[in-house]
Amino acid sequence: MNQEVLVLILSLIALTIVFIVILLCFSMNYTSFKNKLEKRELDDRYKKELPFIKKEFYRTSINPKFENGFVTVTDYNSFVKQSVSQKPYSYKEYYYYEDEKKKKRRRGWEALRVTLATIFYIICILLIALGIYTKVNGDLVSVGNTSYITVTTGSMSYANEANTYLEENDIINHIPERSFIRLKKVENPSDLKLYDIGVYKNEETNQLIVHRIIGEREIDGERYFTFRGDANAYSDYYLVNEDDVLYVYDNYRNTFLGNFFTYVASYQSIVAICYSIIALSILEAYDHKKKKLFALYRDEAINRINYREAIGVSYESNKNN
């Protein structure tokens, strides 16, 4: 078992444990929310979310009709009907549920939330696709004749003291580990020259190798190159035909993008993003269930709140009169 597979297995175990914990938290939160609703313990939350109007209660001959201890909206509006000649009796808050027009603003926030969630899903899917594409292509991303690759080793990161030719020729274009570099496709192999940084594919591993040309020789009328990493004390173990050099480095590199692509192309990243998508989907499902349950108890809560906060006081005062 190589190190990459071991890291993947450990990452899967760790992420699965985290995912199970998150799932349990979602479930416990929903259960607690449901219990509080059933025990009528969330009236304060309803009051925060419901709009209200302030009404002046007057002594009038119009009395509200109560059904099962609650007053209807029509009768309540008649009960609080205002008259300039009458003296204000008290001020109370009357809570109600918004109609479709008044819910526009809330629908706007809901649309924004859905849009942001959709954008998140799209970004995650694109990252997974990019990671798989990069992984399959050996960390190489090609756009026309220009390609980019992430150098994942430190073989070109500094000048090994054994490589005296670097100092003698004032060569300083080393490539730090995890650098995102730009490559140009080799159109004419005869343009390749000594000390260029070239890219070829290893015959045994099929991996792309980014090393410097430090020597050349002609064999049977064909040109072959010797490659070596700047940080290595020894050359690559076989000669590379000039026709097998695929790309040449054009001295552009970016460490930030290198770290980004290194992570995105890793198995850990792909697994983590997949778990994130699943976790958000479950969160959305629980949130939908909570909203549905909250709405189920809404009308009852409105009646109960209005009875306590508004109708109850006025009704008792009118009874005394």
C-alpha atoms as a PDB file:
ATOM      1  CA  MET A   1       0.000   0.000   0.000  1.00  0.00           C
ATOM      2  CA  ASN A   2       1.580   3.279  -1.119  1.00  0.00           C
ATOM      3  CA  GLN A   3       1.425   6.516   0.818  1.00  0.00           C
ATOM      4  CA  GLU A   4      -1.226   8.124  -1.420  1.00  0.00           C
ATOM      5  CA  VAL A   5      -3.673   5.248  -0.900  1.00  0.00           C
ATOM      6  CA  LEU A   6      -3.031   5.275   2.861  1.00  0.00           C
ATOM      7  CA  VAL A   7      -3.692   9.030   3.026  1.00  0.00           C
ATOM      8  CA  LEU A   8      -6.896   8.543   1.029  1.00  0.00           C
ATOM      9  CA  ILE A   9      -8.159   5.806   3.371  1.00  0.00           C
ATOM     10  CA  LEU A  10      -7.376   7.878   6.484  1.00  0.00           C
ATOM     11  CA  SER A  11      -9.070  10.912   4.911  1.00  0.00           C
ATOM     12  CA  LEU A  12     -12.166   8.846   4.134  1.00  0.00           C
ATOM     13  CA  ILE A  13     -12.337   7.580   7.714  1.00  0.00           C
ATOM     14  CA  ALA A  14     -11.880  11.065   9.203  1.00  0.00           C
ATOM     15  CA  LEU A  15     -14.390  12.716   6.864  1.00  0.00           C
ATOM     16  CA  THR A  16     -16.927   9.950   7.435  1.00  0.00           C
ATOM     17  CA  ILE A  17     -16.686  10.440  11.206  1.00  0.00           C
ATOM     18  CA  VAL A  18     -17.126  14.210  10.805  1.00  0.00           C
ATOM     19  CA  PHE A  19     -20.056  13.635   8.441  1.00  0.00           C
ATOM     20  CA  ILE A  20     -21.800  11.300  10.909  1.00  0.00           C
ATOM     21  CA  VAL A  21     -21.335  13.848  13.719  1.00  0.00           C
ATOM     22  CA  ILE A  22     -22.818  16.603  11.537  1.00  0.00           C
ATOM     23  CA  LEU A  23     -25.726  14.352  10.588  1.00  0.00           C
ATOM     24  CA  LEU A  24     -26.430  13.600  14.254  1.00  0.00           C
ATOM     25  CA  CYS A  25     -26.330  17.324  15.052  1.00  0.00           C
ATOM     26  CA  PHE A  26     -28.875  18.025  12.291  1.00  0.00           C
ATOM     27  CA  SER A  27     -31.143  15.263  13.584  1.00  0.00           C
ATOM     28  CA  MET A  28     -30.904  16.395  17.228  1.00  0.00           C
ATOM     29  CA  ASN A  29     -31.583  19.999  16.244  1.00  0.00           C
ATOM     30  CA  TYR A  30     -34.711  19.001  14.304  1.00  0.00           C
ATOM     31  CA  THR A  31     -35.982  16.800  17.121  1.00  0.00           C
ATOM     32  CA  SER A  32     -35.453  19.594  19.655  1.00  0.00           C
ATOM     33  CA  PHE A  33     -37.205  22.075  17.357  1.00  0.00           C
ATOM     34  CA  LYS A  34     -40.174  19.746  16.913  1.00  0.00           C
ATOM     35  CA  ASN A  35     -40.499  19.141  20.670  1.00  0.00           C
ATOM     36  CA  LYS A  36     -40.500  22.869  21.389  1.00  0.00           C
ATOM     37  CA  LEU A  37     -43.213  23.441  18.804  1.00  0.00           C
ATOM     38  CA  GLU A  38     -45.374  20.707  20.252  1.00  0.00           C
ATOM     39  CA  LYS A  39     -44.925  22.177  23.740  1.00  0.00           C
ATOM     40  CA  ARG A  40     -45.811  25.680  22.450  1.00  0.00           C
ATOM     41  CA  GLU A  41     -42.416  27.053  23.488  1.00  0.00           C
ATOM     42  CA  LEU A  42     -41.599  28.999  20.310  1.00  0.00           C
ATOM     43  CA  ASP A  43     -44.137  31.819  20.489  1.00  0.00           C
ATOM     44  CA  ASP A  44     -41.335  34.374  20.876  1.00  0.00           C
ATOM     45  CA  ARG A  45     -39.862  33.161  17.600  1.00  0.00           C
ATOM     46  CA  TYR A  46     -43.202  33.520  15.856  1.00  0.00           C
ATOM     47  CA  LYS A  47     -43.453  37.060  17.213  1.00  0.00           C
ATOM     48  CA  LYS A  48     -40.033  37.923  15.771  1.00  0.00           C
ATOM     49  CA  GLU A  49     -40.913  36.581  12.328  1.00  0.00           C
ATOM     50  CA  LEU A  50     -44.524  37.766  12.078  1.00  0.00           C
ATOM     51  CA  PRO A  51     -45.289  41.381  11.131  1.00  0.00           C
ATOM     52  CA  PHE A  52     -47.596  43.358  13.378  1.00  0.00           C
ATOM     53  CA  ILE A  53     -49.619  46.559  13.442  1.00  0.00           C
ATOM     54  CA  LYS A  54     -50.402  48.814  16.386  1.00  0.00           C
ATOM     55  CA  LYS A  55     -54.082  49.403  16.988  1.00  0.00           C
ATOM     56  CA  GLU A  56     -55.938  51.868  19.228  1.00  0.00           C
ATOM     57  CA  PHE A  57     -58.617  50.143  21.240  1.00  0.00           C
ATOM     58  CA  TYR A  58     -61.770  52.237  21.764  1.00  0.00           C
ATOM     59  CA  ARG A  59     -64.838  51.880  23.880  1.00  0.00           C
ATOM     60  CA  THR A  60     -67.424  51.036  21.235  1.00  0.00           C
ATOM     61  CA  SER A  61     -70.650  49.168  21.051  1.00  0.00           C
ATOM     62  CA  ILE A  62     -69.018  46.744  18.642  1.00  0.00           C
ATOM     63  CA  ASN A  63     -67.803  43.667  20.472  1.00  0.00           C
ATOM     64  CA  PRO A  64     -65.683  40.993  18.790  1.00  0.00           C
ATOM     65  CA  LYS A  65     -67.119  37.529  18.392  1.00  0.00           C
ATOM     66  CA  PHE A  66     -64.970  34.838  19.899  1.00  0.00           C
ATOM     67  CA  GLU A  67     -64.817  31.343  18.490  1.00  0.00           C
ATOM     68  CA  ASN A  68     -63.077  28.756  20.652  1.00  0.00           C
ATOM     69  CA  GLY A  69     -61.490  31.569  22.623  1.00  0.00           C
ATOM     70  CA  PHE A  70     -60.099  33.422  19.569  1.00  0.00           C
ATOM     71  CA  VAL A  71     -61.355  36.333  17.530  1.00  0.00           C
ATOM     72  CA  THR A  72     -61.512  36.336  13.724  1.00  0.00           C
ATOM     73  CA  VAL A  73     -59.545  38.928  11.758  1.00  0.00           C
ATOM     74  CA  THR A  74     -62.706  40.541  10.326  1.00  0.00           C
ATOM     75  CA  ASP A  75     -64.345  40.923  13.719  1.00  0.00           C
ATOM     76  CA  TYR A  76     -61.129  42.176  15.239  1.00  0.00           C
ATOM     77  CA  ASN A  77     -60.768  44.897  12.608  1.00  0.00           C
ATOM     78  CA  SER A  78     -64.362  45.965  13.324  1.00  0.00           C
ATOM     79  CA  PHE A  79     -63.660  45.932  17.038  1.00  0.00           C
ATOM     80  CA  VAL A  80     -60.707  48.317  16.697  1.00  0.00           C
ATOM     81  CA  LYS A  81     -62.458  50.566  14.192  1.00  0.00           C
ATOM     82  CA  GLN A  82     -61.292  54.104  14.933  1.00  0.00           C
ATOM     83  CA  SER A  83     -63.381  57.236  15.455  1.00  0.00           C
ATOM     84  CA  VAL A  84     -62.009  60.750  15.929  1.00  0.00           C
ATOM     85  CA  SER A  85     -64.572  61.596  18.575  1.00  0.00           C
ATOM     86  CA  GLN A  86     -63.728  58.584  20.725  1.00  0.00           C
ATOM     87  CA  LYS A  87     -61.031  58.571  23.327  1.00  0.00           C
ATOM     88  CA  PRO A  88     -58.143  56.093  22.926  1.00  0.00           C
ATOM     89  CA  TYR A  89     -58.453  53.259  25.317  1.00  0.00           C
ATOM     90  CA  SER A  90     -55.045  51.467  24.983  1.00  0.00           C
ATOM     91  CA  TYR A  91     -52.389  50.475  22.482  1.00  0.00           C
ATOM     92  CA  LYS A  92     -51.628  46.844  21.670  1.00  0.00           C
ATOM     93  CA  GLU A  93     -49.817  44.899  18.988  1.00  0.00           C
ATOM     94  CA  TYR A  94     -51.862  42.736  16.667  1.00  0.00           C
ATOM     95  CA  TYR A  95     -49.957  39.985  14.838  1.00  0.00           C
ATOM     96  CA  TYR A  96     -50.982  38.619  11.464  1.00  0.00           C
ATOM     97  CA  TYR A  97     -49.656  36.478   8.631  1.00  0.00           C
ATOM     98  CA  GLU A  98     -48.451  38.254   5.510  1.00  0.00           C
ATOM     99  CA  ASP A  99     -50.352  37.927   2.274  1.00  0.00           C
ATOM    100  CA  GLU A 100     -48.573  37.226  -1.009  1.00  0.00           C
ATOM    101  CA  LYS A 101     -47.782  40.867  -1.780  1.00  0.00           C
ATOM    102  CA  LYS A 102     -46.266  41.518   1.620  1.00  0.00           C
ATOM    103  CA  LYS A 103     -44.186  38.371   1.367  1.00  0.00           C
ATOM    104  CA  LYS A 104     -42.284  39.670  -1.671  1.00  0.00           C
ATOM    105  CA  ARG A 105     -39.321  40.816   0.367  1.00  0.00           C
ATOM    106  CA  ARG A 106     -39.064  37.486   2.149  1.00  0.00           C
ATOM    107  CA  ARG A 107     -39.371  35.654  -1.126  1.00  0.00           C
ATOM    108  CA  GLY A 108     -36.489  37.797  -2.376  1.00  0.00           C
ATOM    109  CA  TRP A 109     -34.276  36.637   0.496  1.00  0.00           C
ATOM    110  CA  GLU A 110     -35.344  33.039  -0.113  1.00  0.00           C
ATOM    111  CA  ALA A 111     -34.468  33.393  -3.814  1.00  0.00           C
ATOM    112  CA  LEU A 112     -31.073  34.786  -2.845  1.00  0.00           C
ATOM    113  CA  ARG A 113     -30.469  31.842  -0.519  1.00  0.00           C
ATOM    114  CA  VAL A 114     -31.412  29.367  -3.243  1.00  0.00           C
ATOM    115  CA  THR A 115     -29.187  31.188  -5.731  1.00  0.00           C
ATOM    116  CA  LEU A 116     -26.205  31.092  -3.382  1.00  0.00           C
ATOM    117  CA  ALA A 117     -26.766  27.392  -2.691  1.00  0.00           C
ATOM    118  CA  THR A 118     -26.980  26.711  -6.435  1.00  0.00           C
ATOM    119  CA  ILE A 119     -23.756  28.635  -7.036  1.00  0.00           C
ATOM    120  CA  PHE A 120     -22.097  26.590  -4.293  1.00  0.00           C
ATOM    121  CA  TYR A 121     -23.225  23.330  -5.929  1.00  0.00           C
ATOM    122  CA  ILE A 122     -21.980  24.482  -9.339  1.00  0.00           C
ATOM    123  CA  ILE A 123     -18.579  25.509  -7.925  1.00  0.00           C
ATOM    124  CA  CYS A 124     -18.232  22.161  -6.132  1.00  0.00           C
ATOM    125  CA  ILE A 125     -19.105  20.212  -9.281  1.00  0.00           C
ATOM    126  CA  LEU A 126     -16.636  22.284 -11.329  1.00  0.00           C
ATOM    127  CA  LEU A 127     -13.904  21.711  -8.744  1.00  0.00           C
ATOM    128  CA  ILE A 128     -14.532  17.964  -8.789  1.00  0.00           C
ATOM    129  CA  ALA A 129     -14.443  17.941 -12.604  1.00  0.00           C
ATOM    130  CA  LEU A 130     -11.264  20.033 -12.612  1.00  0.00           C
ATOM    131  CA  GLY A 131      -9.635  17.781 -10.023  1.00  0.00           C
ATOM    132  CA  ILE A 132     -10.473  14.601 -11.953  1.00  0.00           C
ATOM    133  CA  TYR A 133      -9.361  16.157 -15.258  1.00  0.00           C
ATOM    134  CA  THR A 134      -6.077  17.324 -13.741  1.00  0.00           C
ATOM    135  CA  LYS A 135      -5.496  13.976 -12.054  1.00  0.00           C
ATOM    136  CA  VAL A 136      -6.131  11.998 -15.237  1.00  0.00           C
ATOM    137  CA  ASN A 137      -3.852  14.292 -17.274  1.00  0.00           C
ATOM    138  CA  GLY A 138      -0.928  14.132 -14.868  1.00  0.00           C
ATOM    139  CA  ASP A 139      -1.487  17.591 -13.329  1.00  0.00           C
ATOM    140  CA  LEU A 140      -1.503  19.123 -16.808  1.00  0.00           C
ATOM    141  CA  VAL A 141      -4.065  21.674 -18.001  1.00  0.00           C
ATOM    142  CA  SER A 142      -3.886  22.577 -21.692  1.00  0.00           C
ATOM    143  CA  VAL A 143      -5.347  25.572 -23.536  1.00  0.00           C
ATOM    144  CA  GLY A 144      -4.384  25.515 -27.210  1.00  0.00           C
ATOM    145  CA  ASN A 145      -0.603  25.452 -27.590  1.00  0.00           C
ATOM    146  CA  THR A 146      -0.154  26.696 -24.031  1.00  0.00           C
ATOM    147  CA  SER A 147      -0.280  24.315 -21.107  1.00  0.00           C
ATOM    148  CA  TYR A 148       0.034  24.585 -17.351  1.00  0.00           C
ATOM    149  CA  ILE A 149       1.330  22.049 -14.895  1.00  0.00           C
ATOM    150  CA  THR A 150       1.783  21.911 -11.146  1.00  0.00           C
ATOM    151  CA  VAL A 151       5.273  20.841 -10.102  1.00  0.00           C
ATOM    152  CA  THR A 152       4.590  18.614  -7.106  1.00  0.00           C
ATOM    153  CA  THR A 153       8.213  17.774  -6.164  1.00  0.00           C
ATOM    154  CA  GLY A 154      11.212  19.830  -5.099  1.00  0.00           C
ATOM    155  CA  SER A 155      13.630  18.478  -7.730  1.00  0.00           C
ATOM    156  CA  MET A 156      13.825  21.916  -9.364  1.00  0.00           C
ATOM    157  CA  SER A 157      13.488  24.054  -6.250  1.00  0.00           C
ATOM    158  CA  TYR A 158      17.130  25.000  -5.635  1.00  0.00           C
ATOM    159  CA  ALA A 159      20.656  24.593  -7.019  1.00  0.00           C
ATOM    160  CA  ASN A 160      22.441  21.507  -5.774  1.00  0.00           C
ATOM    161  CA  GLU A 161      26.095  22.262  -5.113  1.00  0.00           C
ATOM    162  CA  ALA A 162      27.048  19.424  -7.465  1.00  0.00           C
ATOM    163  CA  ASN A 163      25.470  21.283 -10.376  1.00  0.00           C
ATOM    164  CA  THR A 164      28.209  23.884 -10.867  1.00  0.00           C
ATOM    165  CA  TYR A 165      26.960  24.731 -14.364  1.00  0.00           C
ATOM    166  CA  LEU A 166      24.040  26.610 -12.814  1.00  0.00           C
ATOM    167  CA  GLU A 167      26.248  29.162 -11.094  1.00  0.00           C
ATOM    168  CA  GLU A 168      28.716  29.294 -13.986  1.00  0.00           C
ATOM    169  CA  ASN A 169      25.929  30.220 -16.415  1.00  0.00           C
ATOM    170  CA  ASP A 170      24.072  32.441 -13.944  1.00  0.00           C
ATOM    171  CA  ILE A 171      20.959  30.246 -14.069  1.00  0.00           C
ATOM    172  CA  ILE A 172      18.472  31.130 -11.342  1.00  0.00           C
ATOM    173  CA  ASN A 173      15.072  30.179 -12.783  1.00  0.00           C
ATOM    174  CA  HIS A 174      14.483  27.402 -10.270  1.00  0.00           C
ATOM    175  CA  ILE A 175      10.956  26.116  -9.691  1.00  0.00           C
ATOM    176  CA  PRO A 176       9.782  25.769  -6.061  1.00  0.00           C
ATOM    177  CA  GLU A 177       7.716  22.774  -5.074  1.00  0.00           C
ATOM    178  CA  ARG A 178       3.984  23.132  -5.786  1.00  0.00           C
ATOM    179  CA  SER A 179       4.490  25.853  -8.376  1.00  0.00           C
ATOM    180  CA  PHE A 180       1.941  26.308 -11.140  1.00  0.00           C
ATOM    181  CA  ILE A 181       4.023  26.910 -14.277  1.00  0.00           C
ATOM    182  CA  ARG A 182       3.262  27.794 -17.869  1.00  0.00           C
ATOM    183  CA  LEU A 183       4.549  25.645 -20.704  1.00  0.00           C
ATOM    184  CA  LYS A 184       4.790  26.097 -24.450  1.00  0.00           C
ATOM    185  CA  LYS A 185       4.278  23.155 -26.741  1.00  0.00           C
ATOM    186  CA  VAL A 186       7.395  22.166 -28.638  1.00  0.00           C
ATOM    187  CA  GLU A 187       6.559  22.740 -32.288  1.00  0.00           C
ATOM    188  CA  ASN A 188      10.099  22.427 -33.607  1.00  0.00           C
ATOM    189  CA  PRO A 189      12.468  20.206 -31.551  1.00  0.00           C
ATOM    190  CA  SER A 190      15.482  21.815 -33.214  1.00  0.00           C
ATOM    191  CA  ASP A 191      14.700  24.997 -31.255  1.00  0.00           C
ATOM    192  CA  LEU A 192      15.477  23.219 -27.969  1.00  0.00           C
ATOM    193  CA  LYS A 193      18.811  24.244 -26.481  1.00  0.00           C
ATOM    194  CA  LEU A 194      21.092  23.517 -23.563  1.00  0.00           C
ATOM    195  CA  TYR A 195      19.764  24.532 -20.109  1.00  0.00           C
ATOM    196  CA  ASP A 196      16.169  24.849 -21.268  1.00  0.00           C
ATOM    197  CA  ILE A 197      13.654  23.421 -18.806  1.00  0.00           C
ATOM    198  CA  GLY A 198      11.731  20.819 -20.725  1.00  0.00           C
ATOM    199  CA  VAL A 199       8.910  18.358 -20.061  1.00  0.00           C
ATOM    200  CA  TYR A 200       8.884  14.732 -21.161  1.00  0.00           C
ATOM    201  CA  LYS A 201       6.899  11.640 -20.186  1.00  0.00           C
ATOM    202  CA  ASN A 202       8.623   8.933 -18.171  1.00  0.00           C
ATOM    203  CA  GLU A 203       8.495   5.698 -20.163  1.00  0.00           C
ATOM    204  CA  GLU A 204       7.848   3.515 -17.117  1.00  0.00           C
ATOM    205  CA  THR A 205       5.536   5.590 -14.930  1.00  0.00           C
ATOM    206  CA  ASN A 206       3.887   7.731 -17.644  1.00  0.00           C
ATOM    207  CA  GLN A 207       4.430  10.731 -15.382  1.00  0.00           C
ATOM    208  CA  LEU A 208       5.423  14.089 -16.810  1.00  0.00           C
ATOM    209  CA  ILE A 209       8.938  15.087 -15.746  1.00  0.00           C
ATOM    210  CA  VAL A 210       9.932  18.760 -15.502  1.00  0.00           C
ATOM    211  CA  HIS A 211      13.750  18.916 -15.544  1.00  0.00           C
ATOM    212  CA  ARG A 212      16.537  20.905 -17.148  1.00  0.00           C
ATOM    213  CA  ILE A 213      18.488  19.893 -20.259  1.00  0.00           C
ATOM    214  CA  ILE A 214      22.112  19.693 -19.170  1.00  0.00           C
ATOM    215  CA  GLY A 215      23.606  17.776 -22.072  1.00  0.00           C
ATOM    216  CA  GLU A 216      22.976  16.581 -25.579  1.00  0.00           C
ATOM    217  CA  ARG A 217      24.447  14.014 -27.945  1.00  0.00           C
ATOM    218  CA  GLU A 218      23.803  12.611 -31.377  1.00  0.00           C
ATOM    219  CA  ILE A 219      23.110   8.913 -31.813  1.00  0.00           C
ATOM    220  CA  ASP A 220      22.456   7.440 -35.271  1.00  0.00           C
ATOM    221  CA  GLY A 221      21.722  10.875 -36.634  1.00  0.00           C
ATOM    222  CA  GLU A 222      19.183  11.738 -33.916  1.00  0.00           C
ATOM    223  CA  ARG A 223      19.618  14.187 -31.041  1.00  0.00           C
ATOM    224  CA  TYR A 224      19.181  12.995 -27.463  1.00  0.00           C
ATOM    225  CA  PHE A 225      19.114  15.049 -24.273  1.00  0.00           C
ATOM    226  CA  THR A 226      20.294  14.441 -20.723  1.00  0.00           C
ATOM    227  CA  PHE A 227      17.898  15.837 -18.133  1.00  0.00           C
ATOM    228  CA  ARG A 228      18.506  16.633 -14.463  1.00  0.00           C
ATOM    229  CA  GLY A 229      16.637  18.427 -11.722  1.00  0.00           C
ATOM    230  CA  ASP A 230      18.460  21.474 -10.338  1.00  0.00           C
ATOM    231  CA  ALA A 231      18.191  20.049  -6.810  1.00  0.00           C
ATOM    232  CA  ASN A 232      19.369  16.568  -7.870  1.00  0.00           C
ATOM    233  CA  ALA A 233      22.966  15.418  -7.767  1.00  0.00           C
ATOM    234  CA  TYR A 234      22.431  12.895 -10.569  1.00  0.00           C
ATOM    235  CA  SER A 235      20.957  13.008 -14.047  1.00  0.00           C
ATOM    236  CA  ASP A 236      17.799  11.166 -15.102  1.00  0.00           C
ATOM    237  CA  TYR A 237      18.661   7.558 -15.814  1.00  0.00           C
ATOM    238  CA  TYR A 238      17.958   7.521 -19.552  1.00  0.00           C
ATOM    239  CA  LEU A 239      18.448   9.766 -22.557  1.00  0.00           C
ATOM    240  CA  VAL A 240      15.425  11.488 -24.090  1.00  0.00           C
ATOM    241  CA  ASN A 241      14.969  11.855 -27.840  1.00  0.00           C
ATOM    242  CA  GLU A 242      14.358  15.442 -28.893  1.00  0.00           C
ATOM    243  CA  ASP A 243      11.041  14.381 -30.443  1.00  0.00           C
ATOM    244  CA  ASP A 244       9.887  13.156 -27.021  1.00  0.00           C
ATOM    245  CA  VAL A 245      10.242  16.564 -25.380  1.00  0.00           C
ATOM    246  CA  LEU A 246       6.652  17.770 -25.217  1.00  0.00           C
ATOM    247  CA  TYR A 247       6.868  21.214 -23.639  1.00  0.00           C
ATOM    248  CA  VAL A 248       9.330  23.888 -22.598  1.00  0.00           C
ATOM    249  CA  TYR A 249       9.042  26.152 -19.543  1.00  0.00           C
ATOM    250  CA  ASP A 250       8.570  29.867 -20.365  1.00  0.00           C
ATOM    251  CA  ASN A 251       9.527  31.210 -16.889  1.00  0.00           C
ATOM    252  CA  TYR A 252       6.009  31.961 -15.614  1.00  0.00           C
ATOM    253  CA  ARG A 253       5.118  30.391 -12.270  1.00  0.00           C
ATOM    254  CA  ASN A 254       2.571  30.950  -9.502  1.00  0.00           C
ATOM    255  CA  THR A 255       2.875  29.348  -6.076  1.00  0.00           C
ATOM    256  CA  PHE A 256      -0.674  30.177  -4.949  1.00  0.00           C
ATOM    257  CA  LEU A 257      -2.246  28.492  -7.972  1.00  0.00           C
ATOM    258  CA  GLY A 258       0.170  25.625  -7.527  1.00  0.00           C
ATOM    259  CA  ASN A 259      -1.093  24.963  -4.004  1.00  0.00           C
ATOM    260  CA  PHE A 260      -4.681  25.330  -5.212  1.00  0.00           C
ATOM    261  CA  PHE A 261      -4.328  22.822  -8.064  1.00  0.00           C
ATOM    262  CA  THR A 262      -2.316  20.436  -5.899  1.00  0.00           C
ATOM    263  CA  TYR A 263      -5.160  20.286  -3.401  1.00  0.00           C
ATOM    264  CA  VAL A 264      -7.981  20.214  -5.974  1.00  0.00           C
ATOM    265  CA  ALA A 265      -6.350  17.294  -7.794  1.00  0.00           C
ATOM    266  CA  SER A 266      -5.879  15.307  -4.584  1.00  0.00           C
ATOM    267  CA  TYR A 267      -8.202  12.470  -3.647  1.00  0.00           C
ATOM    268  CA  GLN A 268      -8.766  14.092  -0.247  1.00  0.00           C
ATOM    269  CA  SER A 269     -10.114  17.227  -1.926  1.00  0.00           C
ATOM    270  CA  ILE A 270     -12.472  15.306  -4.205  1.00  0.00           C
ATOM    271  CA  VAL A 271     -13.840  13.291  -1.281  1.00  0.00           C
ATOM    272  CA  ALA A 272     -14.165  16.394   0.929  1.00  0.00           C
ATOM    273  CA  ILE A 273     -16.078  18.304  -1.768  1.00  0.00           C
ATOM    274  CA  CYS A 274     -18.424  15.343  -2.314  1.00  0.00           C
ATOM    275  CA  TYR A 275     -19.128  15.191   1.418  1.00  0.00           C
ATOM    276  CA  SER A 276     -19.746  18.962   1.443  1.00  0.00           C
ATOM    277  CA  ILE A 277     -22.366  18.619  -1.284  1.00  0.00           C
ATOM    278  CA  ILE A 278     -24.088  15.782   0.587  1.00  0.00           C
ATOM    279  CA  ALA A 279     -23.962  17.681   3.902  1.00  0.00           C
ATOM    280  CA  LEU A 280     -25.468  20.831   2.372  1.00  0.00           C
ATOM    281  CA  SER A 281     -28.199  18.762   0.700  1.00  0.00           C
ATOM    282  CA  ILE A 282     -29.108  17.189   4.031  1.00  0.00           C
ATOM    283  CA  LEU A 283     -29.064  20.601   5.713  1.00  0.00           C
ATOM    284  CA  GLU A 284     -31.424  21.914   3.021  1.00  0.00           C
ATOM    285  CA  ALA A 285     -33.736  18.940   3.571  1.00  0.00           C
ATOM    286  CA  TYR A 286     -33.828  19.456   7.361  1.00  0.00           C
ATOM    287  CA  ASP A 287     -34.371  23.191   6.898  1.00  0.00           C
ATOM    288  CA  HIS A 288     -37.312  22.499   4.584  1.00  0.00           C
ATOM    289  CA  LYS A 289     -38.815  20.083   7.125  1.00  0.00           C
ATOM    290  CA  LYS A 290     -38.440  22.675   9.901  1.00  0.00           C
ATOM    291  CA  LYS A 291     -40.113  25.385   7.823  1.00  0.00           C
ATOM    292  CA  LYS A 292     -42.963  23.061   6.940  1.00  0.00           C
ATOM    293  CA  LEU A 293     -43.448  22.129  10.593  1.00  0.00           C
ATOM    294  CA  PHE A 294     -43.175  25.779  11.661  1.00  0.00           C
ATOM    295  CA  ALA A 295     -45.895  26.737   9.174  1.00  0.00           C
ATOM    296  CA  LEU A 296     -48.123  23.899  10.407  1.00  0.00           C
ATOM    297  CA  TYR A 297     -48.328  25.467  13.884  1.00  0.00           C
ATOM    298  CA  ARG A 298     -48.360  29.083  12.666  1.00  0.00           C
ATOM    299  CA  ASP A 299     -52.107  29.824  12.654  1.00  0.00           C
ATOM    300  CA  GLU A 300     -52.554  28.386  16.111  1.00  0.00           C
ATOM    301  CA  ALA A 301     -49.609  30.427  17.372  1.00  0.00           C
ATOM    302  CA  ILE A 302     -50.978  33.655  15.851  1.00  0.00           C
ATOM    303  CA  ASN A 303     -54.307  33.186  17.601  1.00  0.00           C
ATOM    304  CA  ARG A 304     -52.617  32.344  20.872  1.00  0.00           C
ATOM    305  CA  ILE A 305     -50.232  35.322  20.703  1.00  0.00           C
ATOM    306  CA  ASN A 306     -52.949  37.793  19.773  1.00  0.00           C
ATOM    307  CA  TYR A 307     -55.171  36.512  22.529  1.00  0.00           C
ATOM    308  CA  ARG A 308     -52.411  37.036  25.098  1.00  0.00           C
ATOM    309  CA  GLU A 309     -50.903  40.229  23.727  1.00  0.00           C
ATOM    310  CA  ALA A 310     -53.928  42.094  22.463  1.00  0.00           C
ATOM    311  CA  ILE A 311     -57.352  40.520  22.542  1.00  0.00           C
ATOM    312  CA  GLY A 312     -57.109  39.158  26.029  1.00  0.00           C
ATOM    313  CA  VAL A 313     -56.464  42.537  27.687  1.00  0.00           C
ATOM    314  CA  SER A 314     -59.088  44.410  25.699  1.00  0.00           C
ATOM    315  CA  TYR A 315     -61.643  41.670  26.055  1.00  0.00           C
ATOM    316  CA  GLU A 316     -61.246  41.521  29.818  1.00  0.00           C
ATOM    317  CA  SER A 317     -61.450  45.320  30.069  1.00  0.00           C
ATOM    318  CA  ASN A 318     -64.646  45.382  27.997  1.00  0.00           C
ATOM    319  CA  LYS A 319     -66.161  42.626  30.129  1.00  0.00           C
ATOM    320  CA  ASN A 320     -65.624  44.757  33.238  1.00  0.00           C
ATOM    321  CA  ASN A 321     -67.462  47.567  31.585  1.00  0.00           C
END
